[in-house]
Amino acid sequence: GGEAFAVPTFDSGADRSHRVLRSEAPRGVWALRSEIMEPDDANTLHSFWIARKGPWATFRFKDFQDCFSHSAGRFYNTDAVVTPNDQILGDGDGTTTQFQLRKRYGEDDYPSWRTVKLPKAGTVRVALDGVEAPSGWSVNTETGMVTFTVAPALGVQVTAGFEFEKVARFVGDFPSGA
C-alpha cells in the first residue's frame, strides 16, 4: 500500500490531503522464524546476527521478489535471464562517462524508477545501442555507477541488465523458538 512510501501529514478530506514521500523505493520487512529452521541454519543465522551486532550494522540482502533488472524475475522466477538490454540508463552525449544503474516499474504513462546501488558482482551486462559491450566499462558494486573508459557517442543508448541486492538490518532481538 501507500504506507510503504508516504505518510499522511494532514488529512481533512479527499480533496485536501497532503502526503510526504519518505522514500523512492518501498521499505520491506522480512520475518525470520528460527524455530522452523534446521538447527545448523538457526546457528548460522544467530552467528550472523551477532556479527552484525543485532540491528547496529546493515548488510546486503537478496529479496527474491525483486532482485533482477527485468520484471520477469519478480516473484521467485529464477529461470529468466538477465540481458544487457533490460533497462535504459540514458543516452550518450560524447562527454558523460558515468551512468547510474536503475530499474523501471509501472506503465508507460506513469513509470517509476528505482536507483540500484547494490548490483551483485559479476552479473552486470551493458549494451550500447543494443549491442553488448563486454569491455570498456566498470561498475561500482557499492554505488551502482557504471563508468566507461570512453564516453558513449552522442545519441547512443546505454542499457544494462543485472541482479541486485538491497540494504537490510535486523530489527530487535534475535528470534527464538521459546
Protein backbone atom coordinates (compact mmCIF):
# COMPACT_ATOMS: atom_id res chain seq x y z
CA GLY A 1 0.00 0.00 0.00
CA GLY A 2 0.85 3.67 0.00
CA GLU A 3 2.18 3.49 3.56
CA ALA A 4 5.41 1.93 2.28
CA PHE A 5 6.24 5.22 0.51
CA ALA A 6 4.31 8.10 2.05
CA VAL A 7 2.89 9.20 5.35
CA PRO A 8 -0.17 11.46 5.60
CA THR A 9 0.73 14.73 7.30
CA PHE A 10 -2.66 16.46 7.03
CA ASP A 11 -5.99 14.98 6.08
CA SER A 12 -9.26 16.84 6.28
CA GLY A 13 -10.93 15.30 3.25
CA ALA A 14 -10.13 13.63 -0.03
CA ASP A 15 -9.52 16.93 -1.85
CA ARG A 16 -7.28 18.42 0.84
CA SER A 17 -4.97 15.59 1.90
CA HIS A 18 -1.22 16.11 1.83
CA ARG A 19 1.32 13.31 1.65
CA VAL A 20 5.08 13.37 2.02
CA LEU A 21 7.24 10.91 0.10
CA ARG A 22 9.61 9.24 2.60
CA SER A 23 11.43 7.02 0.15
CA GLU A 24 11.78 6.48 -3.60
CA ALA A 25 11.51 2.73 -3.01
CA PRO A 26 9.34 0.79 -0.59
CA ARG A 27 10.79 -0.45 2.65
CA GLY A 28 10.44 -4.18 3.09
CA VAL A 29 10.06 -6.24 6.21
CA TRP A 30 11.06 -9.89 6.21
CA ALA A 31 10.29 -12.16 9.13
CA LEU A 32 12.70 -14.89 10.20
CA ARG A 33 11.49 -17.65 12.45
CA SER A 34 14.37 -19.59 13.91
CA GLU A 35 12.05 -22.19 15.43
CA ILE A 36 11.17 -23.56 11.97
CA MET A 37 14.78 -23.67 10.75
CA GLU A 38 17.13 -26.59 10.81
CA PRO A 39 19.42 -26.25 13.87
CA ASP A 40 22.54 -25.62 11.74
CA ASP A 41 20.73 -22.88 9.80
CA ALA A 42 19.46 -21.25 13.01
CA ASN A 43 23.01 -21.32 14.44
CA THR A 44 24.43 -19.76 11.27
CA LEU A 45 21.77 -17.03 11.37
CA HIS A 46 22.43 -16.39 15.06
CA SER A 47 26.16 -16.07 14.39
CA PHE A 48 25.44 -13.65 11.52
CA TRP A 49 23.12 -11.62 13.80
CA ILE A 50 25.84 -11.42 16.50
CA ALA A 51 28.48 -10.41 13.93
CA ARG A 52 26.20 -7.53 12.82
CA LYS A 53 25.64 -6.54 16.46
CA GLY A 54 21.91 -7.13 16.02
CA PRO A 55 20.30 -4.06 14.43
CA TRP A 56 23.50 -1.98 14.54
CA ALA A 57 25.11 -2.90 11.19
CA THR A 58 23.49 -3.16 7.78
CA PHE A 59 24.08 -5.96 5.29
CA ARG A 60 23.29 -6.83 1.69
CA PHE A 61 20.07 -8.82 1.28
CA LYS A 62 18.67 -10.56 -1.80
CA ASP A 63 14.91 -10.04 -1.97
CA PHE A 64 13.81 -12.85 -4.27
CA GLN A 65 10.60 -10.97 -5.12
CA ASP A 66 12.63 -8.16 -6.72
CA CYS A 67 16.29 -8.86 -7.47
CA PHE A 68 16.60 -8.78 -11.28
CA SER A 69 16.71 -5.90 -13.76
CA HIS A 70 13.85 -7.44 -15.74
CA SER A 71 10.29 -7.74 -14.49
CA ALA A 72 10.17 -11.44 -15.42
CA GLY A 73 12.42 -12.13 -12.43
CA ARG A 74 9.87 -10.97 -9.90
CA PHE A 75 8.07 -13.34 -7.56
CA TYR A 76 10.65 -16.10 -7.44
CA ASN A 77 11.01 -16.69 -11.21
CA THR A 78 14.72 -17.53 -11.25
CA ASP A 79 14.61 -19.01 -14.77
CA ALA A 80 14.54 -15.62 -16.50
CA VAL A 81 17.95 -14.49 -17.80
CA VAL A 82 19.42 -11.01 -17.34
CA THR A 83 20.14 -9.36 -20.71
CA PRO A 84 22.25 -6.24 -21.42
CA ASN A 85 19.12 -4.52 -22.79
CA ASP A 86 16.86 -4.90 -19.72
CA GLN A 87 16.94 -1.28 -18.53
CA ILE A 88 17.68 2.06 -20.22
CA LEU A 89 20.32 4.03 -18.31
CA GLY A 90 20.41 7.01 -20.65
CA ASP A 91 21.80 8.35 -23.91
CA GLY A 92 25.39 9.20 -24.65
CA ASP A 93 26.38 12.81 -25.24
CA GLY A 94 30.04 12.28 -26.10
CA THR A 95 31.28 13.56 -22.72
CA THR A 96 29.37 11.71 -19.97
CA THR A 97 31.22 8.60 -18.83
CA GLN A 98 29.09 7.61 -15.82
CA PHE A 99 25.59 6.16 -15.82
CA GLN A 100 23.63 5.06 -12.74
CA LEU A 101 22.02 1.60 -12.72
CA ARG A 102 18.26 1.87 -12.33
CA LYS A 103 15.12 -0.16 -12.75
CA ARG A 104 11.82 0.98 -14.20
CA TYR A 105 8.49 -0.02 -12.66
CA GLY A 106 4.98 0.71 -13.87
CA GLU A 107 3.25 1.51 -17.13
CA ASP A 108 4.48 3.68 -19.99
CA ASP A 109 2.23 6.59 -18.99
CA TYR A 110 3.26 6.57 -15.31
CA PRO A 111 6.67 4.98 -14.75
CA SER A 112 8.65 4.98 -11.54
CA TRP A 113 12.40 4.45 -11.34
CA ARG A 114 14.45 2.81 -8.59
CA THR A 115 18.11 3.74 -8.28
CA VAL A 116 20.05 0.49 -7.98
CA LYS A 117 23.07 0.91 -5.73
CA LEU A 118 23.98 -2.69 -4.89
CA PRO A 119 24.37 -4.73 -8.08
CA LYS A 120 25.52 -8.27 -7.47
CA ALA A 121 29.17 -8.63 -8.53
CA GLY A 122 29.64 -10.39 -11.85
CA THR A 123 26.03 -10.04 -13.03
CA VAL A 124 26.09 -6.63 -14.74
CA ARG A 125 25.87 -6.66 -18.55
CA VAL A 126 26.00 -3.43 -20.57
CA ALA A 127 25.00 -2.60 -24.16
CA LEU A 128 25.46 0.38 -26.45
CA ASP A 129 22.66 0.82 -28.98
CA GLY A 130 21.54 -2.75 -28.32
CA VAL A 131 24.96 -4.36 -28.83
CA GLU A 132 26.57 -5.88 -25.74
CA ALA A 133 29.80 -4.18 -24.67
CA PRO A 134 31.86 -6.87 -22.89
CA SER A 135 34.64 -4.39 -22.05
CA GLY A 136 35.37 -0.67 -21.87
CA TRP A 137 33.40 -0.11 -18.69
CA SER A 138 33.37 -0.99 -14.99
CA VAL A 139 30.72 -0.97 -12.29
CA ASN A 140 30.98 0.02 -8.63
CA THR A 141 29.10 -2.66 -6.67
CA GLU A 142 28.52 -0.29 -3.73
CA THR A 143 27.04 2.62 -5.74
CA GLY A 144 25.71 1.01 -8.92
CA MET A 145 27.59 3.55 -11.05
CA VAL A 146 28.73 2.29 -14.47
CA THR A 147 31.85 4.11 -15.69
CA PHE A 148 33.01 3.96 -19.32
CA THR A 149 36.66 4.42 -20.28
CA VAL A 150 35.43 6.37 -23.34
CA ALA A 151 32.18 8.34 -23.22
CA PRO A 152 29.39 6.86 -25.37
CA ALA A 153 28.89 8.94 -28.51
CA LEU A 154 26.05 11.45 -28.91
CA GLY A 155 22.69 9.68 -29.15
CA VAL A 156 23.98 6.19 -28.30
CA GLN A 157 21.51 4.47 -25.97
CA VAL A 158 23.13 2.92 -22.87
CA THR A 159 21.33 -0.08 -21.37
CA ALA A 160 22.14 -2.68 -18.74
CA GLY A 161 20.92 -5.85 -17.12
CA PHE A 162 21.88 -7.03 -13.64
CA GLU A 163 20.96 -8.76 -10.43
CA PHE A 164 20.79 -6.56 -7.35
CA GLU A 165 20.52 -6.65 -3.60
CA LYS A 166 19.08 -4.29 -1.00
CA VAL A 167 20.36 -2.83 2.24
CA ALA A 168 18.88 -4.58 5.26
CA ARG A 169 19.30 -4.63 9.01
CA PHE A 170 17.95 -6.71 11.83
CA VAL A 171 15.25 -5.16 13.99
CA GLY A 172 15.13 -6.05 17.66
CA ASP A 173 16.35 -9.14 19.43
CA PHE A 174 17.22 -12.45 17.80
CA PRO A 175 14.06 -14.52 17.25
CA SER A 176 13.87 -17.59 19.39
CA GLY A 177 11.58 -20.57 19.49
CA ALA A 178 10.94 -20.18 23.20
